[in-house]
C-alpha atoms as a PDB file:
ATOM      1  CA  UNK A   1    -118.295  78.402  40.030  1.00  0.00           C
ATOM      2  CA  UNK A   2    -114.651  79.443  39.948  1.00  0.00           C
ATOM      3  CA  UNK A   3    -112.553  79.925  36.818  1.00  0.00           C
ATOM      4  CA  UNK A   4    -108.794  80.476  37.030  1.00  0.00           C
ATOM      5  CA  UNK A   5    -107.846  83.372  34.743  1.00  0.00           C
ATOM      6  CA  UNK A   6    -104.152  83.809  35.592  1.00  0.00           C
ATOM      7  CA  UNK A   7    -101.555  82.605  38.048  1.00  0.00           C
ATOM      8  CA  UNK A   8     -98.011  83.841  38.609  1.00  0.00           C
ATOM      9  CA  UNK A   9     -95.268  83.354  41.162  1.00  0.00           C
ATOM     10  CA  UNK A  10     -94.943  86.195  43.701  1.00  0.00           C
ATOM     11  CA  UNK A  11     -91.941  84.670  45.460  1.00  0.00           C
ATOM     12  CA  UNK A  12     -90.620  81.213  46.317  1.00  0.00           C
ATOM     13  CA  UNK A  13     -93.526  80.520  48.703  1.00  0.00           C
ATOM     14  CA  UNK A  14     -96.465  82.470  47.268  1.00  0.00           C
ATOM     15  CA  UNK A  15     -98.518  82.483  44.076  1.00  0.00           C
ATOM     16  CA  UNK A  16    -100.942  85.203  42.990  1.00  0.00           C
ATOM     17  CA  UNK A  17    -104.102  83.801  41.402  1.00  0.00           C
ATOM     18  CA  UNK A  18    -106.760  85.790  39.579  1.00  0.00           C
ATOM     19  CA  UNK A  19    -110.101  84.018  39.391  1.00  0.00           C
ATOM     20  CA  UNK A  20    -113.571  84.766  38.115  1.00  0.00           C
ATOM     21  CA  UNK A  21    -116.148  83.561  40.617  1.00  0.00           C
ATOM     22  CA  UNK A  22    -119.913  83.561  40.858  1.00  0.00           C
ATOM     23  CA  UNK A  23    -121.824  84.156  44.080  1.00  0.00           C
ATOM     24  CA  UNK A  24    -125.606  84.562  44.171  1.00  0.00           C
ATOM     25  CA  UNK A  25    -125.586  84.656  40.364  1.00  0.00           C
ATOM     26  CA  UNK A  26    -123.257  87.695  40.376  1.00  0.00           C
ATOM     27  CA  UNK A  27    -119.747  87.642  38.864  1.00  0.00           C
ATOM     28  CA  UNK A  28    -116.811  88.568  41.095  1.00  0.00           C
ATOM     29  CA  UNK A  29    -113.115  88.989  40.444  1.00  0.00           C
ATOM     30  CA  UNK A  30    -110.855  87.464  43.100  1.00  0.00           C
ATOM     31  CA  UNK A  31    -107.155  88.385  43.277  1.00  0.00           C
ATOM     32  CA  UNK A  32    -105.554  86.402  46.072  1.00  0.00           C
ATOM     33  CA  UNK A  33    -102.231  85.142  47.402  1.00  0.00           C
ATOM     34  CA  UNK A  34    -101.972  81.371  47.676  1.00  0.00           C
ATOM     35  CA  UNK A  35     -99.267  79.509  49.596  1.00  0.00           C
ATOM     36  CA  UNK A  36     -97.741  76.061  49.557  1.00  0.00           C
ATOM     37  CA  UNK A  37     -99.793  73.206  50.934  1.00  0.00           C
ATOM     38  CA  UNK A  38     -98.719  70.716  53.575  1.00  0.00           C
ATOM     39  CA  UNK A  39     -97.044  68.628  50.877  1.00  0.00           C
ATOM     40  CA  UNK A  40     -95.002  71.643  49.742  1.00  0.00           C
ATOM     41  CA  UNK A  41     -96.817  72.043  46.425  1.00  0.00           C
ATOM     42  CA  UNK A  42     -96.864  75.778  45.620  1.00  0.00           C
ATOM     43  CA  UNK A  43    -100.079  77.756  45.378  1.00  0.00           C
ATOM     44  CA  UNK A  44    -102.565  75.243  46.706  1.00  0.00           C
ATOM     45  CA  UNK A  45    -103.844  77.015  49.848  1.00  0.00           C
ATOM     46  CA  UNK A  46    -105.613  80.414  49.615  1.00  0.00           C
ATOM     47  CA  UNK A  47    -104.804  83.066  52.193  1.00  0.00           C
ATOM     48  CA  UNK A  48    -106.875  85.949  53.519  1.00  0.00           C
ATOM     49  CA  UNK A  49    -104.543  88.315  51.659  1.00  0.00           C
ATOM     50  CA  UNK A  50    -106.381  89.443  48.591  1.00  0.00           C
ATOM     51  CA  UNK A  51    -109.249  91.322  47.066  1.00  0.00           C
ATOM     52  CA  UNK A  52    -112.671  90.234  45.857  1.00  0.00           C
ATOM     53  CA  UNK A  53    -114.757  92.776  43.955  1.00  0.00           C
ATOM     54  CA  UNK A  54    -117.980  92.725  42.011  1.00  0.00           C
ATOM     55  CA  UNK A  55    -117.167  92.490  38.298  1.00  0.00           C
ATOM     56  CA  UNK A  56    -119.048  95.770  37.776  1.00  0.00           C
ATOM     57  CA  UNK A  57    -116.094  97.503  39.477  1.00  0.00           C
ATOM     58  CA  UNK A  58    -113.518  95.935  37.159  1.00  0.00           C
ATOM     59  CA  UNK A  59    -113.315  98.951  34.800  1.00  0.00           C
ATOM     60  CA  UNK A  60    -112.552 101.213  37.784  1.00  0.00           C
ATOM     61  CA  UNK A  61    -109.857  98.830  39.037  1.00  0.00           C
ATOM     62  CA  UNK A  62    -108.303  98.546  35.582  1.00  0.00           C
ATOM     63  CA  UNK A  63    -108.266 102.348  35.176  1.00  0.00           C
ATOM     64  CA  UNK A  64    -106.572 102.745  38.565  1.00  0.00           C
ATOM     65  CA  UNK A  65    -103.964 100.101  37.738  1.00  0.00           C
ATOM     66  CA  UNK A  66    -103.352 101.757  34.357  1.00  0.00           C
ATOM     67  CA  UNK A  67    -102.742 105.047  36.170  1.00  0.00           C
ATOM     68  CA  UNK A  68    -100.286 103.339  38.536  1.00  0.00           C
ATOM     69  CA  UNK A  69     -98.441 101.949  35.526  1.00  0.00           C
ATOM     70  CA  UNK A  70     -98.269 105.393  33.928  1.00  0.00           C
ATOM     71  CA  UNK A  71     -96.879 106.917  37.141  1.00  0.00           C
ATOM     72  CA  UNK A  72     -94.255 104.173  37.437  1.00  0.00           C
ATOM     73  CA  UNK A  73     -93.264 104.585  33.777  1.00  0.00           C
ATOM     74  CA  UNK A  74     -93.051 108.348  34.273  1.00  0.00           C
ATOM     75  CA  UNK A  75     -90.781 107.957  37.265  1.00  0.00           C
ATOM     76  CA  UNK A  76     -88.464 105.706  35.210  1.00  0.00           C
ATOM     77  CA  UNK A  77     -88.294 108.303  32.450  1.00  0.00           C
ATOM     78  CA  UNK A  78     -87.126 110.960  34.923  1.00  0.00           C
ATOM     79  CA  UNK A  79     -84.315 108.841  36.384  1.00  0.00           C
END
């Protein structure tokens, strides 16, 4: 099972897709770069560039990304 959660354009050739997947009855979060297919349609072919983690690790990933956001915001405040 695969459920698309979000999709957004990275650049003119690449799309980032976030999906919830199930493997061996365990939920996984997949964040992957997709590229245009042979017909030129954007985001139809997955690449090896990405991350798949067990959903149990999602809180740790979210906390780390929140920290990155705080650091970036802090660096904007200083400049």
